[in-house]
Amino acid sequence: MATNSDCLFCKIASGAIPVTRLFEDEQLLAFPDINPQAPVHVLIIPKQHVGSLAHTTANEAGLLGHLLASGAEVAQQQGLVKGYRLVINTGHDGGQTVDHLHLHLLGGRHMTWPPG
């Protein structure tokens, strides 16, 4: 598994930085966001380092599909029966603050549009 020793999320995935693990399998890890923007705010990350969605190709289609399907599974586990939002911020202008692909799962309140 390719990791980046300077990457916060790679350190979390490796266990060097402890988090509450809400979901985990061979490819992904989900944990609560430390700066929640909703009553439920979970980050779902690939354990393999991928800088952003912009750094993916068709070769990562399986990983990306698994990321979304896992988002739905974690939402169900978190009891988000009334709905939720899945967000992937990409690049500086897209609001990405950690250079490691990650999916935000937000729920537990009504979401407004546009988001920001």
PDB file of N, CA and C in Angstrom:
ATOM      1  N   MET A   1       0.849  -1.169   0.000  1.00  0.00           N
ATOM      2  CA  MET A   1       0.000   0.000   0.000  1.00  0.00           C
ATOM      3  C   MET A   1       0.897   1.234   0.000  1.00  0.00           C
ATOM      4  N   ALA A   2       0.712   2.109  -0.981  1.00  0.00           N
ATOM      5  CA  ALA A   2       1.511   3.329  -1.085  1.00  0.00           C
ATOM      6  C   ALA A   2       1.017   4.366  -0.086  1.00  0.00           C
ATOM      7  N   THR A   3       1.945   4.911   0.703  1.00  0.00           N
ATOM      8  CA  THR A   3       1.604   5.963   1.652  1.00  0.00           C
ATOM      9  C   THR A   3       2.578   7.112   1.492  1.00  0.00           C
ATOM     10  N   ASN A   4       2.244   8.244   2.077  1.00  0.00           N
ATOM     11  CA  ASN A   4       3.092   9.424   2.071  1.00  0.00           C
ATOM     12  C   ASN A   4       3.398   9.725   3.538  1.00  0.00           C
ATOM     13  N   SER A   5       4.671   9.666   3.918  1.00  0.00           N
ATOM     14  CA  SER A   5       5.043   9.801   5.326  1.00  0.00           C
ATOM     15  C   SER A   5       4.708  11.171   5.909  1.00  0.00           C
ATOM     16  N   ASP A   6       4.504  12.179   5.072  1.00  0.00           N
ATOM     17  CA  ASP A   6       4.154  13.517   5.549  1.00  0.00           C
ATOM     18  C   ASP A   6       2.644  13.750   5.603  1.00  0.00           C
ATOM     19  N   CYS A   7       1.860  12.803   5.141  1.00  0.00           N
ATOM     20  CA  CYS A   7       0.414  12.977   4.998  1.00  0.00           C
ATOM     21  C   CYS A   7      -0.318  12.635   6.295  1.00  0.00           C
ATOM     22  N   LEU A   8      -1.123  13.568   6.784  1.00  0.00           N
ATOM     23  CA  LEU A   8      -1.914  13.361   7.994  1.00  0.00           C
ATOM     24  C   LEU A   8      -2.793  12.121   7.887  1.00  0.00           C
ATOM     25  N   PHE A   9      -3.504  11.969   6.782  1.00  0.00           N
ATOM     26  CA  PHE A   9      -4.425  10.845   6.652  1.00  0.00           C
ATOM     27  C   PHE A   9      -3.690   9.519   6.489  1.00  0.00           C
ATOM     28  N   CYS A  10      -2.501   9.522   5.889  1.00  0.00           N
ATOM     29  CA  CYS A  10      -1.699   8.288   5.825  1.00  0.00           C
ATOM     30  C   CYS A  10      -1.267   7.877   7.228  1.00  0.00           C
ATOM     31  N   LYS A  11      -0.929   8.864   8.067  1.00  0.00           N
ATOM     32  CA  LYS A  11      -0.554   8.569   9.457  1.00  0.00           C
ATOM     33  C   LYS A  11      -1.743   7.997  10.229  1.00  0.00           C
ATOM     34  N   ILE A  12      -2.934   8.524   9.968  1.00  0.00           N
ATOM     35  CA  ILE A  12      -4.138   8.004  10.607  1.00  0.00           C
ATOM     36  C   ILE A  12      -4.410   6.581  10.128  1.00  0.00           C
ATOM     37  N   ALA A  13      -4.324   6.355   8.818  1.00  0.00           N
ATOM     38  CA  ALA A  13      -4.591   5.022   8.267  1.00  0.00           C
ATOM     39  C   ALA A  13      -3.620   3.978   8.808  1.00  0.00           C
ATOM     40  N   SER A  14      -2.365   4.378   9.027  1.00  0.00           N
ATOM     41  CA  SER A  14      -1.355   3.436   9.521  1.00  0.00           C
ATOM     42  C   SER A  14      -1.483   3.172  11.021  1.00  0.00           C
ATOM     43  N   GLY A  15      -2.253   3.996  11.720  1.00  0.00           N
ATOM     44  CA  GLY A  15      -2.398   3.854  13.162  1.00  0.00           C
ATOM     45  C   GLY A  15      -1.427   4.712  13.952  1.00  0.00           C
ATOM     46  N   ALA A  16      -0.554   5.461  13.266  1.00  0.00           N
ATOM     47  CA  ALA A  16       0.405   6.331  13.956  1.00  0.00           C
ATOM     48  C   ALA A  16      -0.306   7.450  14.704  1.00  0.00           C
ATOM     49  N   ILE A  17      -1.438   7.897  14.186  1.00  0.00           N
ATOM     50  CA  ILE A  17      -2.287   8.878  14.859  1.00  0.00           C
ATOM     51  C   ILE A  17      -3.601   8.168  15.160  1.00  0.00           C
ATOM     52  N   PRO A  18      -3.953   8.042  16.437  1.00  0.00           N
ATOM     53  CA  PRO A  18      -5.173   7.302  16.788  1.00  0.00           C
ATOM     54  C   PRO A  18      -6.443   8.090  16.484  1.00  0.00           C
ATOM     55  N   VAL A  19      -7.463   7.369  16.037  1.00  0.00           N
ATOM     56  CA  VAL A  19      -8.800   7.928  15.812  1.00  0.00           C
ATOM     57  C   VAL A  19      -9.814   6.869  16.228  1.00  0.00           C
ATOM     58  N   THR A  20     -11.053   7.302  16.379  1.00  0.00           N
ATOM     59  CA  THR A  20     -12.143   6.360  16.599  1.00  0.00           C
ATOM     60  C   THR A  20     -12.516   5.782  15.246  1.00  0.00           C
ATOM     61  N   ARG A  21     -12.287   4.515  15.065  1.00  0.00           N
ATOM     62  CA  ARG A  21     -12.536   3.852  13.776  1.00  0.00           C
ATOM     63  C   ARG A  21     -13.995   3.415  13.715  1.00  0.00           C
ATOM     64  N   LEU A  22     -14.760   4.070  12.857  1.00  0.00           N
ATOM     65  CA  LEU A  22     -16.186   3.779  12.724  1.00  0.00           C
ATOM     66  C   LEU A  22     -16.453   2.683  11.704  1.00  0.00           C
ATOM     67  N   PHE A  23     -15.544   2.555  10.745  1.00  0.00           N
ATOM     68  CA  PHE A  23     -15.648   1.556   9.675  1.00  0.00           C
ATOM     69  C   PHE A  23     -14.242   1.343   9.166  1.00  0.00           C
ATOM     70  N   GLU A  24     -13.941   0.089   8.843  1.00  0.00           N
ATOM     71  CA  GLU A  24     -12.626  -0.193   8.276  1.00  0.00           C
ATOM     72  C   GLU A  24     -12.690  -1.496   7.503  1.00  0.00           C
ATOM     73  N   ASP A  25     -12.021  -1.505   6.366  1.00  0.00           N
ATOM     74  CA  ASP A  25     -11.793  -2.737   5.620  1.00  0.00           C
ATOM     75  C   ASP A  25     -10.384  -2.649   5.033  1.00  0.00           C
ATOM     76  N   GLU A  26     -10.056  -3.506   4.106  1.00  0.00           N
ATOM     77  CA  GLU A  26      -8.692  -3.531   3.562  1.00  0.00           C
ATOM     78  C   GLU A  26      -8.332  -2.239   2.828  1.00  0.00           C
ATOM     79  N   GLN A  27      -9.322  -1.564   2.225  1.00  0.00           N
ATOM     80  CA  GLN A  27      -9.056  -0.387   1.405  1.00  0.00           C
ATOM     81  C   GLN A  27      -9.340   0.947   2.080  1.00  0.00           C
ATOM     82  N   LEU A  28     -10.294   0.976   3.017  1.00  0.00           N
ATOM     83  CA  LEU A  28     -10.809   2.249   3.531  1.00  0.00           C
ATOM     84  C   LEU A  28     -10.839   2.299   5.049  1.00  0.00           C
ATOM     85  N   LEU A  29     -10.898   3.533   5.540  1.00  0.00           N
ATOM     86  CA  LEU A  29     -11.056   3.796   6.965  1.00  0.00           C
ATOM     87  C   LEU A  29     -12.000   4.981   7.123  1.00  0.00           C
ATOM     88  N   ALA A  30     -12.938   4.891   8.074  1.00  0.00           N
ATOM     89  CA  ALA A  30     -13.863   5.987   8.367  1.00  0.00           C
ATOM     90  C   ALA A  30     -13.723   6.370   9.833  1.00  0.00           C
ATOM     91  N   PHE A  31     -13.734   7.687  10.081  1.00  0.00           N
ATOM     92  CA  PHE A  31     -13.581   8.207  11.442  1.00  0.00           C
ATOM     93  C   PHE A  31     -14.245   9.571  11.530  1.00  0.00           C
ATOM     94  N   PRO A  32     -14.603  10.014  12.749  1.00  0.00           N
ATOM     95  CA  PRO A  32     -15.259  11.317  12.900  1.00  0.00           C
ATOM     96  C   PRO A  32     -14.327  12.465  12.523  1.00  0.00           C
ATOM     97  N   ASP A  33     -14.881  13.495  11.883  1.00  0.00           N
ATOM     98  CA  ASP A  33     -14.124  14.705  11.571  1.00  0.00           C
ATOM     99  C   ASP A  33     -13.854  15.462  12.874  1.00  0.00           C
ATOM    100  N   ILE A  34     -12.653  16.007  13.034  1.00  0.00           N
ATOM    101  CA  ILE A  34     -12.332  16.733  14.274  1.00  0.00           C
ATOM    102  C   ILE A  34     -12.957  18.130  14.297  1.00  0.00           C
ATOM    103  N   ASN A  35     -13.446  18.601  13.155  1.00  0.00           N
ATOM    104  CA  ASN A  35     -14.107  19.902  13.071  1.00  0.00           C
ATOM    105  C   ASN A  35     -15.473  19.700  12.406  1.00  0.00           C
ATOM    106  N   PRO A  36     -16.417  19.057  13.097  1.00  0.00           N
ATOM    107  CA  PRO A  36     -17.673  18.669  12.456  1.00  0.00           C
ATOM    108  C   PRO A  36     -18.499  19.861  11.990  1.00  0.00           C
ATOM    109  N   GLN A  37     -19.084  19.702  10.797  1.00  0.00           N
ATOM    110  CA  GLN A  37     -19.937  20.720  10.203  1.00  0.00           C
ATOM    111  C   GLN A  37     -21.412  20.315  10.228  1.00  0.00           C
ATOM    112  N   ALA A  38     -21.697  19.196  10.879  1.00  0.00           N
ATOM    113  CA  ALA A  38     -23.063  18.684  11.031  1.00  0.00           C
ATOM    114  C   ALA A  38     -23.046  17.760  12.252  1.00  0.00           C
ATOM    115  N   PRO A  39     -24.220  17.416  12.788  1.00  0.00           N
ATOM    116  CA  PRO A  39     -24.237  16.507  13.932  1.00  0.00           C
ATOM    117  C   PRO A  39     -23.492  15.193  13.671  1.00  0.00           C
ATOM    118  N   VAL A  40     -23.580  14.691  12.451  1.00  0.00           N
ATOM    119  CA  VAL A  40     -22.771  13.546  12.031  1.00  0.00           C
ATOM    120  C   VAL A  40     -21.856  14.040  10.922  1.00  0.00           C
ATOM    121  N   HIS A  41     -20.549  13.947  11.132  1.00  0.00           N
ATOM    122  CA  HIS A  41     -19.573  14.335  10.113  1.00  0.00           C
ATOM    123  C   HIS A  41     -18.431  13.325  10.179  1.00  0.00           C
ATOM    124  N   VAL A  42     -18.434  12.429   9.215  1.00  0.00           N
ATOM    125  CA  VAL A  42     -17.468  11.335   9.162  1.00  0.00           C
ATOM    126  C   VAL A  42     -16.609  11.509   7.915  1.00  0.00           C
ATOM    127  N   LEU A  43     -15.311  11.258   8.052  1.00  0.00           N
ATOM    128  CA  LEU A  43     -14.402  11.223   6.917  1.00  0.00           C
ATOM    129  C   LEU A  43     -14.136   9.773   6.549  1.00  0.00           C
ATOM    130  N   ILE A  44     -14.176   9.481   5.264  1.00  0.00           N
ATOM    131  CA  ILE A  44     -13.875   8.142   4.765  1.00  0.00           C
ATOM    132  C   ILE A  44     -12.702   8.290   3.802  1.00  0.00           C
ATOM    133  N   ILE A  45     -11.601   7.603   4.116  1.00  0.00           N
ATOM    134  CA  ILE A  45     -10.365   7.772   3.356  1.00  0.00           C
ATOM    135  C   ILE A  45      -9.877   6.441   2.805  1.00  0.00           C
ATOM    136  N   PRO A  46      -9.248   6.474   1.632  1.00  0.00           N
ATOM    137  CA  PRO A  46      -8.525   5.287   1.184  1.00  0.00           C
ATOM    138  C   PRO A  46      -7.270   5.125   2.043  1.00  0.00           C
ATOM    139  N   LYS A  47      -6.905   3.912   2.361  1.00  0.00           N
ATOM    140  CA  LYS A  47      -5.664   3.678   3.093  1.00  0.00           C
ATOM    141  C   LYS A  47      -4.457   3.944   2.203  1.00  0.00           C
ATOM    142  N   GLN A  48      -4.628   3.751   0.921  1.00  0.00           N
ATOM    143  CA  GLN A  48      -3.586   4.060  -0.058  1.00  0.00           C
ATOM    144  C   GLN A  48      -3.588   5.557  -0.312  1.00  0.00           C
ATOM    145  N   HIS A  49      -2.414   6.166  -0.414  1.00  0.00           N
ATOM    146  CA  HIS A  49      -2.358   7.602  -0.646  1.00  0.00           C
ATOM    147  C   HIS A  49      -2.745   7.937  -2.083  1.00  0.00           C
ATOM    148  N   VAL A  50      -3.772   8.762  -2.206  1.00  0.00           N
ATOM    149  CA  VAL A  50      -4.198   9.364  -3.471  1.00  0.00           C
ATOM    150  C   VAL A  50      -4.374  10.829  -3.146  1.00  0.00           C
ATOM    151  N   GLY A  51      -3.667  11.721  -3.842  1.00  0.00           N
ATOM    152  CA  GLY A  51      -3.671  13.135  -3.500  1.00  0.00           C
ATOM    153  C   GLY A  51      -5.039  13.788  -3.528  1.00  0.00           C
ATOM    154  N   SER A  52      -5.817  13.497  -4.545  1.00  0.00           N
ATOM    155  CA  SER A  52      -7.157  14.069  -4.661  1.00  0.00           C
ATOM    156  C   SER A  52      -7.910  13.334  -5.753  1.00  0.00           C
ATOM    157  N   LEU A  53      -9.173  13.656  -5.919  1.00  0.00           N
ATOM    158  CA  LEU A  53      -9.956  13.077  -7.007  1.00  0.00           C
ATOM    159  C   LEU A  53      -9.325  13.412  -8.352  1.00  0.00           C
ATOM    160  N   ALA A  54      -8.699  14.571  -8.440  1.00  0.00           N
ATOM    161  CA  ALA A  54      -8.053  14.987  -9.689  1.00  0.00           C
ATOM    162  C   ALA A  54      -6.874  14.093 -10.058  1.00  0.00           C
ATOM    163  N   HIS A  55      -6.359  13.328  -9.106  1.00  0.00           N
ATOM    164  CA  HIS A  55      -5.226  12.436  -9.353  1.00  0.00           C
ATOM    165  C   HIS A  55      -5.669  11.005  -9.674  1.00  0.00           C
ATOM    166  N   THR A  56      -6.958  10.797  -9.892  1.00  0.00           N
ATOM    167  CA  THR A  56      -7.443   9.455 -10.202  1.00  0.00           C
ATOM    168  C   THR A  56      -7.659   9.307 -11.700  1.00  0.00           C
ATOM    169  N   THR A  57      -7.668   8.051 -12.131  1.00  0.00           N
ATOM    170  CA  THR A  57      -7.959   7.700 -13.522  1.00  0.00           C
ATOM    171  C   THR A  57      -8.993   6.579 -13.498  1.00  0.00           C
ATOM    172  N   ALA A  58      -9.299   6.072 -14.659  1.00  0.00           N
ATOM    173  CA  ALA A  58     -10.228   4.942 -14.748  1.00  0.00           C
ATOM    174  C   ALA A  58      -9.699   3.736 -13.973  1.00  0.00           C
ATOM    175  N   ASN A  59      -8.398   3.668 -13.742  1.00  0.00           N
ATOM    176  CA  ASN A  59      -7.822   2.558 -12.979  1.00  0.00           C
ATOM    177  C   ASN A  59      -8.321   2.536 -11.540  1.00  0.00           C
ATOM    178  N   GLU A  60      -8.748   3.674 -11.009  1.00  0.00           N
ATOM    179  CA  GLU A  60      -9.249   3.759  -9.634  1.00  0.00           C
ATOM    180  C   GLU A  60     -10.767   3.667  -9.548  1.00  0.00           C
ATOM    181  N   ALA A  61     -11.427   3.300 -10.633  1.00  0.00           N
ATOM    182  CA  ALA A  61     -12.896   3.237 -10.630  1.00  0.00           C
ATOM    183  C   ALA A  61     -13.413   2.303  -9.537  1.00  0.00           C
ATOM    184  N   GLY A  62     -12.761   1.191  -9.328  1.00  0.00           N
ATOM    185  CA  GLY A  62     -13.189   0.259  -8.287  1.00  0.00           C
ATOM    186  C   GLY A  62     -13.082   0.869  -6.901  1.00  0.00           C
ATOM    187  N   LEU A  63     -11.969   1.554  -6.639  1.00  0.00           N
ATOM    188  CA  LEU A  63     -11.772   2.216  -5.352  1.00  0.00           C
ATOM    189  C   LEU A  63     -12.814   3.307  -5.152  1.00  0.00           C
ATOM    190  N   LEU A  64     -13.064   4.101  -6.191  1.00  0.00           N
ATOM    191  CA  LEU A  64     -14.027   5.197  -6.072  1.00  0.00           C
ATOM    192  C   LEU A  64     -15.443   4.675  -5.851  1.00  0.00           C
ATOM    193  N   GLY A  65     -15.809   3.612  -6.535  1.00  0.00           N
ATOM    194  CA  GLY A  65     -17.124   3.007  -6.321  1.00  0.00           C
ATOM    195  C   GLY A  65     -17.248   2.458  -4.908  1.00  0.00           C
ATOM    196  N   HIS A  66     -16.186   1.830  -4.432  1.00  0.00           N
ATOM    197  CA  HIS A  66     -16.183   1.283  -3.073  1.00  0.00           C
ATOM    198  C   HIS A  66     -16.270   2.414  -2.047  1.00  0.00           C
ATOM    199  N   LEU A  67     -15.621   3.537  -2.329  1.00  0.00           N
ATOM    200  CA  LEU A  67     -15.674   4.701  -1.439  1.00  0.00           C
ATOM    201  C   LEU A  67     -17.117   5.187  -1.292  1.00  0.00           C
ATOM    202  N   LEU A  68     -17.823   5.326  -2.405  1.00  0.00           N
ATOM    203  CA  LEU A  68     -19.218   5.781  -2.352  1.00  0.00           C
ATOM    204  C   LEU A  68     -20.133   4.756  -1.685  1.00  0.00           C
ATOM    205  N   ALA A  69     -19.968   3.494  -2.031  1.00  0.00           N
ATOM    206  CA  ALA A  69     -20.800   2.456  -1.420  1.00  0.00           C
ATOM    207  C   ALA A  69     -20.547   2.377   0.089  1.00  0.00           C
ATOM    208  N   SER A  70     -19.315   2.564   0.502  1.00  0.00           N
ATOM    209  CA  SER A  70     -18.993   2.558   1.928  1.00  0.00           C
ATOM    210  C   SER A  70     -19.582   3.775   2.614  1.00  0.00           C
ATOM    211  N   GLY A  71     -19.644   4.902   1.906  1.00  0.00           N
ATOM    212  CA  GLY A  71     -20.309   6.089   2.458  1.00  0.00           C
ATOM    213  C   GLY A  71     -21.762   5.790   2.789  1.00  0.00           C
ATOM    214  N   ALA A  72     -22.442   5.090   1.896  1.00  0.00           N
ATOM    215  CA  ALA A  72     -23.842   4.718   2.143  1.00  0.00           C
ATOM    216  C   ALA A  72     -23.937   3.748   3.318  1.00  0.00           C
ATOM    217  N   GLU A  73     -22.995   2.819   3.424  1.00  0.00           N
ATOM    218  CA  GLU A  73     -23.001   1.854   4.535  1.00  0.00           C
ATOM    219  C   GLU A  73     -22.771   2.553   5.879  1.00  0.00           C
ATOM    220  N   VAL A  74     -21.816   3.477   5.907  1.00  0.00           N
ATOM    221  CA  VAL A  74     -21.544   4.207   7.155  1.00  0.00           C
ATOM    222  C   VAL A  74     -22.742   5.082   7.520  1.00  0.00           C
ATOM    223  N   ALA A  75     -23.383   5.700   6.519  1.00  0.00           N
ATOM    224  CA  ALA A  75     -24.583   6.507   6.787  1.00  0.00           C
ATOM    225  C   ALA A  75     -25.658   5.659   7.445  1.00  0.00           C
ATOM    226  N   GLN A  76     -25.848   4.443   6.959  1.00  0.00           N
ATOM    227  CA  GLN A  76     -26.835   3.543   7.553  1.00  0.00           C
ATOM    228  C   GLN A  76     -26.427   3.194   8.983  1.00  0.00           C
ATOM    229  N   GLN A  77     -25.148   2.892   9.185  1.00  0.00           N
ATOM    230  CA  GLN A  77     -24.660   2.562  10.527  1.00  0.00           C
ATOM    231  C   GLN A  77     -24.844   3.730  11.495  1.00  0.00           C
ATOM    232  N   GLN A  78     -24.749   4.949  10.987  1.00  0.00           N
ATOM    233  CA  GLN A  78     -24.892   6.145  11.815  1.00  0.00           C
ATOM    234  C   GLN A  78     -26.351   6.547  12.012  1.00  0.00           C
ATOM    235  N   GLY A  79     -27.278   5.789  11.427  1.00  0.00           N
ATOM    236  CA  GLY A  79     -28.703   6.042  11.616  1.00  0.00           C
ATOM    237  C   GLY A  79     -29.249   7.221  10.830  1.00  0.00           C
ATOM    238  N   LEU A  80     -28.633   7.537   9.720  1.00  0.00           N
ATOM    239  CA  LEU A  80     -29.064   8.701   8.927  1.00  0.00           C
ATOM    240  C   LEU A  80     -30.190   8.308   7.970  1.00  0.00           C
ATOM    241  N   VAL A  81     -31.329   7.955   8.535  1.00  0.00           N
ATOM    242  CA  VAL A  81     -32.456   7.459   7.755  1.00  0.00           C
ATOM    243  C   VAL A  81     -33.201   8.569   7.007  1.00  0.00           C
ATOM    244  N   LYS A  82     -33.066   9.827   7.438  1.00  0.00           N
ATOM    245  CA  LYS A  82     -33.773  10.939   6.792  1.00  0.00           C
ATOM    246  C   LYS A  82     -32.963  11.551   5.651  1.00  0.00           C
ATOM    247  N   GLY A  83     -31.716  11.100   5.474  1.00  0.00           N
ATOM    248  CA  GLY A  83     -30.887  11.599   4.396  1.00  0.00           C
ATOM    249  C   GLY A  83     -29.520  12.047   4.888  1.00  0.00           C
ATOM    250  N   TYR A  84     -28.647  12.290   3.941  1.00  0.00           N
ATOM    251  CA  TYR A  84     -27.273  12.690   4.242  1.00  0.00           C
ATOM    252  C   TYR A  84     -26.652  13.263   2.972  1.00  0.00           C
ATOM    253  N   ARG A  85     -25.486  13.812   3.127  1.00  0.00           N
ATOM    254  CA  ARG A  85     -24.742  14.368   1.990  1.00  0.00           C
ATOM    255  C   ARG A  85     -23.357  13.737   1.965  1.00  0.00           C
ATOM    256  N   LEU A  86     -22.902  13.352   0.753  1.00  0.00           N
ATOM    257  CA  LEU A  86     -21.544  12.888   0.534  1.00  0.00           C
ATOM    258  C   LEU A  86     -20.836  13.939  -0.309  1.00  0.00           C
ATOM    259  N   VAL A  87     -19.641  14.357   0.140  1.00  0.00           N
ATOM    260  CA  VAL A  87     -18.909  15.434  -0.533  1.00  0.00           C
ATOM    261  C   VAL A  87     -17.450  15.029  -0.709  1.00  0.00           C
ATOM    262  N   ILE A  88     -16.912  15.290  -1.907  1.00  0.00           N
ATOM    263  CA  ILE A  88     -15.484  15.167  -2.146  1.00  0.00           C
ATOM    264  C   ILE A  88     -14.997  16.538  -2.600  1.00  0.00           C
ATOM    265  N   ASN A  89     -14.247  17.220  -1.744  1.00  0.00           N
ATOM    266  CA  ASN A  89     -13.630  18.495  -2.119  1.00  0.00           C
ATOM    267  C   ASN A  89     -12.347  18.183  -2.874  1.00  0.00           C
ATOM    268  N   THR A  90     -12.092  18.922  -3.958  1.00  0.00           N
ATOM    269  CA  THR A  90     -10.928  18.647  -4.794  1.00  0.00           C
ATOM    270  C   THR A  90     -10.175  19.938  -5.074  1.00  0.00           C
ATOM    271  N   GLY A  91      -8.929  19.981  -4.633  1.00  0.00           N
ATOM    272  CA  GLY A  91      -8.071  21.139  -4.874  1.00  0.00           C
ATOM    273  C   GLY A  91      -8.390  22.301  -3.946  1.00  0.00           C
ATOM    274  N   HIS A  92      -7.514  23.270  -3.952  1.00  0.00           N
ATOM    275  CA  HIS A  92      -7.644  24.432  -3.067  1.00  0.00           C
ATOM    276  C   HIS A  92      -8.963  25.156  -3.259  1.00  0.00           C
ATOM    277  N   ASP A  93      -9.313  25.490  -4.514  1.00  0.00           N
ATOM    278  CA  ASP A  93     -10.560  26.211  -4.764  1.00  0.00           C
ATOM    279  C   ASP A  93     -11.796  25.364  -4.462  1.00  0.00           C
ATOM    280  N   GLY A  94     -11.644  24.053  -4.452  1.00  0.00           N
ATOM    281  CA  GLY A  94     -12.748  23.159  -4.120  1.00  0.00           C
ATOM    282  C   GLY A  94     -12.907  22.938  -2.626  1.00  0.00           C
ATOM    283  N   GLY A  95     -12.016  23.533  -1.829  1.00  0.00           N
ATOM    284  CA  GLY A  95     -12.121  23.422  -0.382  1.00  0.00           C
ATOM    285  C   GLY A  95     -11.348  22.265   0.226  1.00  0.00           C
ATOM    286  N   GLN A  96     -10.497  21.585  -0.554  1.00  0.00           N
ATOM    287  CA  GLN A  96      -9.722  20.476  -0.015  1.00  0.00           C
ATOM    288  C   GLN A  96      -8.606  21.023   0.871  1.00  0.00           C
ATOM    289  N   THR A  97      -8.565  20.584   2.132  1.00  0.00           N
ATOM    290  CA  THR A  97      -7.565  21.086   3.076  1.00  0.00           C
ATOM    291  C   THR A  97      -6.509  20.048   3.439  1.00  0.00           C
ATOM    292  N   VAL A  98      -6.750  18.777   3.145  1.00  0.00           N
ATOM    293  CA  VAL A  98      -5.754  17.722   3.340  1.00  0.00           C
ATOM    294  C   VAL A  98      -5.542  17.066   1.982  1.00  0.00           C
ATOM    295  N   ASP A  99      -4.290  17.021   1.548  1.00  0.00           N
ATOM    296  CA  ASP A  99      -3.974  16.468   0.223  1.00  0.00           C
ATOM    297  C   ASP A  99      -3.958  14.945   0.250  1.00  0.00           C
ATOM    298  N   HIS A 100      -5.123  14.398   0.494  1.00  0.00           N
ATOM    299  CA  HIS A 100      -5.361  12.947   0.470  1.00  0.00           C
ATOM    300  C   HIS A 100      -6.849  12.804   0.169  1.00  0.00           C
ATOM    301  N   LEU A 101      -7.184  12.086  -0.869  1.00  0.00           N
ATOM    302  CA  LEU A 101      -8.582  11.891  -1.239  1.00  0.00           C
ATOM    303  C   LEU A 101      -9.397  11.472  -0.020  1.00  0.00           C
ATOM    304  N   HIS A 102     -10.523  12.140   0.193  1.00  0.00           N
ATOM    305  CA  HIS A 102     -11.406  11.758   1.285  1.00  0.00           C
ATOM    306  C   HIS A 102     -12.838  12.174   0.977  1.00  0.00           C
ATOM    307  N   LEU A 103     -13.749  11.399   1.525  1.00  0.00           N
ATOM    308  CA  LEU A 103     -15.175  11.620   1.356  1.00  0.00           C
ATOM    309  C   LEU A 103     -15.736  12.106   2.685  1.00  0.00           C
ATOM    310  N   HIS A 104     -16.477  13.207   2.636  1.00  0.00           N
ATOM    311  CA  HIS A 104     -17.175  13.704   3.825  1.00  0.00           C
ATOM    312  C   HIS A 104     -18.585  13.132   3.812  1.00  0.00           C
ATOM    313  N   LEU A 105     -18.992  12.538   4.917  1.00  0.00           N
ATOM    314  CA  LEU A 105     -20.369  12.117   5.135  1.00  0.00           C
ATOM    315  C   LEU A 105     -20.950  13.073   6.161  1.00  0.00           C
ATOM    316  N   LEU A 106     -21.979  13.827   5.753  1.00  0.00           N
ATOM    317  CA  LEU A 106     -22.620  14.819   6.619  1.00  0.00           C
ATOM    318  C   LEU A 106     -24.089  14.477   6.780  1.00  0.00           C
ATOM    319  N   GLY A 107     -24.581  14.543   8.011  1.00  0.00           N
ATOM    320  CA  GLY A 107     -25.989  14.260   8.235  1.00  0.00           C
ATOM    321  C   GLY A 107     -26.417  14.635   9.641  1.00  0.00           C
ATOM    322  N   GLY A 108     -27.660  14.305   9.929  1.00  0.00           N
ATOM    323  CA  GLY A 108     -28.214  14.606  11.236  1.00  0.00           C
ATOM    324  C   GLY A 108     -28.904  15.953  11.307  1.00  0.00           C
ATOM    325  N   ARG A 109     -28.987  16.644  10.179  1.00  0.00           N
ATOM    326  CA  ARG A 109     -29.724  17.902  10.089  1.00  0.00           C
ATOM    327  C   ARG A 109     -30.106  18.105   8.629  1.00  0.00           C
ATOM    328  N   HIS A 110     -31.014  19.055   8.376  1.00  0.00           N
ATOM    329  CA  HIS A 110     -31.389  19.385   7.007  1.00  0.00           C
ATOM    330  C   HIS A 110     -30.235  20.098   6.318  1.00  0.00           C
ATOM    331  N   MET A 111     -29.897  19.663   5.130  1.00  0.00           N
ATOM    332  CA  MET A 111     -28.822  20.282   4.338  1.00  0.00           C
ATOM    333  C   MET A 111     -29.432  21.327   3.392  1.00  0.00           C
ATOM    334  N   THR A 112     -28.776  22.460   3.286  1.00  0.00           N
ATOM    335  CA  THR A 112     -29.254  23.510   2.395  1.00  0.00           C
ATOM    336  C   THR A 112     -28.466  23.493   1.095  1.00  0.00           C
ATOM    337  N   TRP A 113     -28.998  24.219   0.103  1.00  0.00           N
ATOM    338  CA  TRP A 113     -28.339  24.321  -1.205  1.00  0.00           C
ATOM    339  C   TRP A 113     -28.438  25.744  -1.678  1.00  0.00           C
ATOM    340  N   PRO A 114     -27.428  26.361  -2.236  1.00  0.00           N
ATOM    341  CA  PRO A 114     -26.127  25.779  -2.514  1.00  0.00           C
ATOM    342  C   PRO A 114     -25.296  25.644  -1.230  1.00  0.00           C
ATOM    343  N   PRO A 115     -24.313  24.715  -1.249  1.00  0.00           N
ATOM    344  CA  PRO A 115     -23.566  24.427  -0.039  1.00  0.00           C
ATOM    345  C   PRO A 115     -22.548  25.493   0.350  1.00  0.00           C
ATOM    346  N   GLY A 116     -22.066  26.289  -0.581  1.00  0.00           N
ATOM    347  CA  GLY A 116     -21.081  27.285  -0.151  1.00  0.00           C
ATOM    348  C   GLY A 116     -20.403  28.018  -1.232  1.00  0.00           C
TER     349      GLY A 116
END
